[in-house]
Amino acid sequence: MRHPILTPLCILGAISLSACEKNSDAEVKRAIEDVNVIDESNLNDLMLTVADPNEAVAYFAKTAKQHPERMDIRRGLAKSLIRAKKPTEAALVWKQVIDSPEGTNEDRVSYADALIRANEWRQAEAALNAIPPTHETFDRYRLEAMVADANKKWTKADSFYETAFGLTAKPAGVLNNWGYSKLTRGDFPAAERLFTEALTYDGSNFTTKNNLVLARAAQRKYDLPIISMTQQEQAELLYTAALTAIKQGDVTIGKGLLEDAVETSPRHFEQAARALETLNATVIKG
């Protein structure tokens, strides 16, 4: 008597169990997809930071070929090409990104950066001009300053450097660039101030230390500034000061600085030793 009732219940139970299993399968699939996305994201980050640049290029190039619609992968490829010191190729990839519906103003800034690295200054200027003035970022103004420098528009360059300085918590690089701009213009005191300030934010940058010595030596301040330096750095900075002194006609001072550089260096300083030998030979002949 109960069989007609029991059968529909069994069927209903089987249907419910089947539905649960299907839901469970869908949830597992989604979970796996989520994990894959996380894993891929982590791998992408690793490729953009610690991986060998050429390996990163190969990884992103392969992935971009498999998923040509994904602009995030193309961005990774472009950034990897920059790390691999292939700016011309990077610029071509950035162009693809900015020409897509997903292209952003930040992508256009990166495109301009790649063009500058590839020494394509006119194209870089055009790329920056295409960005709305409302897009105010450190990278944008840093590049604007460099383009203004290249065009010898000093007032604009100073304005852009100042704006960029105010938009970053790590201004050492832009201060160094600004100082180098002043150095090339012959404004040595301003260059010295900017290099000195840059070192207060990053005291380990040897390029800035060398630029500071150049700016001081151009003013005939041949003594080394009071900054943090290793023994080898001290030797190399003395060498820089020596060459500047000799170039400016202060040969005796330059010779003394070369001797100090050779003696200070913890290992054989071939360039300084050769310069000193050449200088001594010239003096003897004279």
Protein backbone atom coordinates (compact mmCIF):
# COMPACT_ATOMS: atom_id res chain seq x y z
CA MET A 1 0.00 0.00 0.00
CA ARG A 2 2.90 2.39 0.70
CA HIS A 3 4.83 1.63 -2.45
CA PRO A 4 3.20 4.32 -4.63
CA ILE A 5 4.17 6.97 -2.03
CA LEU A 6 7.66 5.61 -1.41
CA THR A 7 8.65 5.56 -5.07
CA PRO A 8 8.08 9.31 -5.73
CA LEU A 9 9.99 10.08 -2.51
CA CYS A 10 12.92 7.98 -3.68
CA ILE A 11 12.87 9.66 -7.07
CA LEU A 12 12.70 13.10 -5.42
CA GLY A 13 15.63 12.18 -3.20
CA ALA A 14 17.66 10.99 -6.15
CA ILE A 15 16.91 14.20 -8.03
CA SER A 16 17.90 16.29 -5.02
CA LEU A 17 21.14 14.34 -4.58
CA SER A 18 21.91 14.75 -8.28
CA ALA A 19 21.29 18.49 -8.03
CA CYS A 20 23.57 18.71 -4.99
CA GLU A 21 26.31 16.85 -6.83
CA LYS A 22 25.97 19.19 -9.81
CA ASN A 23 26.10 22.23 -7.55
CA SER A 24 29.10 20.77 -5.78
CA ASP A 25 30.87 20.18 -9.11
CA ALA A 26 30.21 23.76 -10.16
CA GLU A 27 31.53 25.10 -6.88
CA VAL A 28 34.66 22.97 -7.15
CA LYS A 29 35.20 24.17 -10.70
CA ARG A 30 34.82 27.78 -9.63
CA ALA A 31 37.18 27.25 -6.73
CA ILE A 32 39.80 25.73 -9.03
CA GLU A 33 39.40 28.64 -11.45
CA ASP A 34 39.84 31.09 -8.58
CA VAL A 35 43.01 29.30 -7.47
CA ASN A 36 44.32 29.34 -11.03
CA VAL A 37 43.69 33.08 -11.27
CA ILE A 38 45.54 33.63 -7.99
CA ASP A 39 48.41 31.40 -9.10
CA GLU A 40 48.64 33.18 -12.45
CA SER A 41 48.55 36.57 -10.76
CA ASN A 42 51.38 35.57 -8.44
CA LEU A 43 53.38 34.16 -11.35
CA ASN A 44 52.86 37.37 -13.33
CA ASP A 45 54.09 39.43 -10.38
CA LEU A 46 57.15 37.23 -10.01
CA MET A 47 57.92 37.50 -13.71
CA LEU A 48 57.74 41.30 -13.49
CA THR A 49 60.02 41.56 -10.47
CA VAL A 50 62.49 38.80 -9.68
CA ALA A 51 62.51 36.65 -12.82
CA ASP A 52 65.23 36.94 -15.45
CA PRO A 53 64.03 39.66 -17.87
CA ASN A 54 64.44 37.50 -20.96
CA GLU A 55 62.58 34.60 -19.34
CA ALA A 56 59.79 37.02 -18.43
CA VAL A 57 59.62 38.23 -22.03
CA ALA A 58 59.34 34.63 -23.26
CA TYR A 59 56.61 33.85 -20.71
CA PHE A 60 54.46 36.89 -21.49
CA ALA A 61 55.01 36.57 -25.26
CA LYS A 62 53.81 32.96 -25.17
CA THR A 63 50.81 33.81 -22.99
CA ALA A 64 49.91 36.82 -25.16
CA LYS A 65 49.91 34.57 -28.21
CA GLN A 66 47.55 32.15 -26.46
CA HIS A 67 45.30 34.97 -25.21
CA PRO A 68 45.60 37.87 -27.67
CA GLU A 69 42.54 39.55 -26.16
CA ARG A 70 44.15 40.03 -22.73
CA MET A 71 45.66 43.47 -22.38
CA ASP A 72 46.98 42.71 -18.88
CA ILE A 73 49.30 40.14 -20.43
CA ARG A 74 50.41 42.62 -23.10
CA ARG A 75 51.17 45.13 -20.37
CA GLY A 76 53.31 42.49 -18.68
CA LEU A 77 55.10 41.82 -21.96
CA ALA A 78 55.81 45.52 -22.49
CA LYS A 79 57.14 45.95 -18.94
CA SER A 80 59.31 42.85 -19.33
CA LEU A 81 60.73 44.18 -22.60
CA ILE A 82 61.70 47.38 -20.77
CA ARG A 83 63.45 45.30 -18.08
CA ALA A 84 65.22 43.38 -20.87
CA LYS A 85 66.43 46.71 -22.30
CA LYS A 86 64.36 46.38 -25.47
CA PRO A 87 62.46 49.69 -25.46
CA THR A 88 61.72 49.78 -29.19
CA GLU A 89 59.88 46.44 -28.96
CA ALA A 90 58.20 47.58 -25.74
CA ALA A 91 56.90 50.70 -27.46
CA LEU A 92 55.28 48.58 -30.17
CA VAL A 93 53.47 46.50 -27.54
CA TRP A 94 52.37 49.58 -25.58
CA LYS A 95 50.98 50.99 -28.86
CA GLN A 96 48.82 47.87 -29.19
CA VAL A 97 47.57 48.38 -25.65
CA ILE A 98 46.67 52.07 -26.03
CA ASP A 99 44.97 51.38 -29.36
CA SER A 100 42.71 48.81 -27.70
CA PRO A 101 39.41 49.72 -25.95
CA GLU A 102 41.15 48.96 -22.64
CA GLY A 103 43.95 51.48 -23.14
CA THR A 104 44.31 53.97 -20.27
CA ASN A 105 46.15 57.25 -19.72
CA GLU A 106 48.65 55.40 -17.55
CA ASP A 107 49.31 53.10 -20.51
CA ARG A 108 49.97 56.19 -22.64
CA VAL A 109 52.50 57.41 -20.07
CA SER A 110 54.24 54.04 -20.22
CA TYR A 111 54.21 54.25 -24.02
CA ALA A 112 55.91 57.66 -23.86
CA ASP A 113 58.47 56.27 -21.39
CA ALA A 114 59.36 53.44 -23.79
CA LEU A 115 59.73 55.92 -26.66
CA ILE A 116 62.12 58.09 -24.62
CA ARG A 117 64.18 55.02 -23.76
CA ALA A 118 64.27 54.22 -27.48
CA ASN A 119 65.47 57.80 -28.17
CA GLU A 120 62.27 58.63 -30.05
CA TRP A 121 61.81 62.06 -28.49
CA ARG A 122 59.37 63.56 -30.99
CA GLN A 123 57.05 60.57 -30.79
CA ALA A 124 57.31 60.65 -26.99
CA GLU A 125 56.32 64.31 -26.96
CA ALA A 126 53.34 63.57 -29.20
CA ALA A 127 52.30 60.69 -26.92
CA LEU A 128 52.43 62.94 -23.85
CA ASN A 129 50.48 65.68 -25.64
CA ALA A 130 47.72 63.15 -26.30
CA ILE A 131 47.19 62.66 -22.56
CA PRO A 132 44.56 64.94 -20.98
CA PRO A 133 46.00 67.60 -18.64
CA THR A 134 43.75 66.24 -15.89
CA HIS A 135 45.94 63.14 -15.69
CA GLU A 136 48.42 64.45 -13.15
CA THR A 137 50.90 61.80 -12.01
CA PHE A 138 54.54 61.71 -11.01
CA ASP A 139 55.55 59.59 -14.01
CA ARG A 140 53.75 61.89 -16.44
CA TYR A 141 55.50 65.04 -15.15
CA ARG A 142 58.86 63.28 -14.85
CA LEU A 143 58.68 62.47 -18.56
CA GLU A 144 57.36 65.93 -19.44
CA ALA A 145 60.43 67.40 -17.71
CA MET A 146 62.78 65.15 -19.67
CA VAL A 147 61.15 66.11 -22.98
CA ALA A 148 61.33 69.81 -22.07
CA ASP A 149 65.02 69.30 -21.26
CA ALA A 150 65.62 67.67 -24.63
CA ASN A 151 63.96 70.67 -26.31
CA LYS A 152 66.01 73.08 -24.13
CA LYS A 153 62.84 74.64 -22.78
CA TRP A 154 64.40 75.25 -19.38
CA THR A 155 61.55 77.15 -17.73
CA LYS A 156 59.08 74.41 -18.59
CA ALA A 157 61.56 71.75 -17.50
CA ASP A 158 62.01 73.38 -14.09
CA SER A 159 58.24 73.65 -13.66
CA PHE A 160 57.70 69.99 -14.53
CA TYR A 161 60.56 68.82 -12.27
CA GLU A 162 59.12 70.82 -9.39
CA THR A 163 55.66 69.35 -9.94
CA ALA A 164 57.04 65.81 -10.18
CA PHE A 165 59.01 66.37 -6.97
CA GLY A 166 55.78 67.22 -5.17
CA LEU A 167 54.01 64.09 -6.40
CA THR A 168 56.33 61.39 -5.05
CA ALA A 169 57.47 60.12 -1.69
CA LYS A 170 60.76 58.98 -3.28
CA PRO A 171 62.13 62.05 -5.06
CA ALA A 172 65.82 61.06 -5.24
CA GLY A 173 65.64 60.12 -8.92
CA VAL A 174 63.81 63.22 -10.09
CA LEU A 175 66.13 65.47 -8.05
CA ASN A 176 69.13 63.78 -9.67
CA ASN A 177 67.64 64.32 -13.13
CA TRP A 178 66.84 67.92 -12.30
CA GLY A 179 70.38 68.43 -11.03
CA TYR A 180 71.82 66.92 -14.19
CA SER A 181 69.64 69.30 -16.21
CA LYS A 182 71.15 72.24 -14.29
CA LEU A 183 74.62 70.76 -14.79
CA THR A 184 74.21 70.64 -18.59
CA ARG A 185 73.00 74.25 -18.57
CA GLY A 186 76.10 75.36 -16.67
CA ASP A 187 74.21 76.30 -13.51
CA PHE A 188 76.66 74.45 -11.26
CA PRO A 189 75.62 75.86 -7.85
CA ALA A 190 71.97 74.86 -8.46
CA ALA A 191 73.10 71.44 -9.66
CA GLU A 192 75.18 70.97 -6.51
CA ARG A 193 72.19 71.84 -4.29
CA LEU A 194 69.91 69.41 -6.11
CA PHE A 195 72.40 66.51 -6.05
CA THR A 196 73.02 67.12 -2.34
CA GLU A 197 69.28 67.07 -1.65
CA ALA A 198 68.85 63.90 -3.73
CA LEU A 199 71.41 62.14 -1.55
CA THR A 200 69.40 62.95 1.58
CA TYR A 201 66.67 60.70 0.14
CA ASP A 202 68.98 58.00 -1.25
CA GLY A 203 72.52 58.16 0.05
CA SER A 204 73.56 54.95 -1.74
CA ASN A 205 73.22 56.13 -5.35
CA PHE A 206 76.73 56.39 -6.79
CA THR A 207 75.59 58.16 -9.95
CA THR A 208 74.26 61.04 -7.84
CA LYS A 209 77.48 61.11 -5.80
CA ASN A 210 79.52 61.31 -9.00
CA ASN A 211 77.27 64.04 -10.39
CA LEU A 212 77.71 66.01 -7.16
CA VAL A 213 81.52 65.82 -7.49
CA LEU A 214 81.23 66.96 -11.12
CA ALA A 215 79.10 69.96 -10.12
CA ARG A 216 81.53 70.92 -7.34
CA ALA A 217 84.64 70.39 -9.47
CA ALA A 218 83.13 72.57 -12.20
CA GLN A 219 83.23 75.34 -9.57
CA ARG A 220 86.83 74.38 -8.74
CA LYS A 221 85.78 72.78 -5.47
CA TYR A 222 88.02 69.75 -5.77
CA ASP A 223 87.71 68.43 -2.22
CA LEU A 224 85.21 65.61 -1.83
CA PRO A 225 81.86 66.45 -0.23
CA ILE A 226 81.06 65.09 3.22
CA ILE A 227 78.82 62.20 2.19
CA SER A 228 78.67 58.47 2.86
CA MET A 229 80.98 56.51 0.54
CA THR A 230 82.93 53.28 0.41
CA GLN A 231 86.70 53.27 -0.07
CA GLN A 232 86.31 52.27 -3.71
CA GLU A 233 83.71 54.98 -4.27
CA GLN A 234 86.08 57.51 -2.71
CA ALA A 235 88.78 56.48 -5.18
CA GLU A 236 86.42 56.79 -8.14
CA LEU A 237 85.14 60.17 -6.99
CA LEU A 238 88.71 61.43 -6.63
CA TYR A 239 89.30 60.24 -10.20
CA THR A 240 86.26 62.20 -11.40
CA ALA A 241 87.47 65.34 -9.64
CA ALA A 242 90.98 64.82 -11.08
CA LEU A 243 89.78 64.60 -14.68
CA THR A 244 87.65 67.72 -14.26
CA ALA A 245 90.59 69.62 -12.75
CA ILE A 246 92.91 68.62 -15.61
CA LYS A 247 90.26 69.56 -18.18
CA GLN A 248 89.97 72.99 -16.58
CA GLY A 249 93.74 73.51 -16.68
CA ASP A 250 94.41 72.78 -13.01
CA VAL A 251 96.94 70.09 -13.92
CA THR A 252 98.93 70.06 -10.68
CA ILE A 253 95.78 69.65 -8.61
CA GLY A 254 94.55 66.98 -11.02
CA LYS A 255 97.79 65.05 -10.72
CA GLY A 256 97.55 65.08 -6.92
CA LEU A 257 93.96 63.85 -7.07
CA LEU A 258 94.97 61.02 -9.43
CA GLU A 259 97.69 59.97 -7.01
CA ASP A 260 95.16 60.02 -4.17
CA ALA A 261 92.76 57.91 -6.26
CA VAL A 262 95.41 55.26 -6.96
CA GLU A 263 96.48 55.13 -3.31
CA THR A 264 92.92 55.10 -1.95
CA SER A 265 91.54 52.34 -4.14
CA PRO A 266 91.48 48.97 -2.32
CA ARG A 267 92.32 47.25 -5.60
CA HIS A 268 94.35 48.20 -8.66
CA PHE A 269 92.67 51.22 -10.27
CA GLU A 270 93.66 50.75 -13.91
CA GLN A 271 92.02 53.89 -15.30
CA ALA A 272 93.49 56.23 -12.69
CA ALA A 273 96.93 54.62 -12.91
CA ARG A 274 96.94 54.91 -16.71
CA ALA A 275 95.79 58.54 -16.57
CA LEU A 276 98.55 59.35 -14.05
CA GLU A 277 101.17 57.61 -16.19
CA THR A 278 100.04 59.52 -19.28
CA LEU A 279 100.07 62.81 -17.37
CA ASN A 280 103.59 62.19 -16.02
CA ALA A 281 104.82 61.28 -19.51
CA THR A 282 103.34 64.48 -20.91
CA VAL A 283 104.99 66.58 -18.23
CA ILE A 284 108.39 64.97 -18.89
CA LYS A 285 108.09 65.58 -22.63
CA GLY A 286 107.02 69.15 -22.02
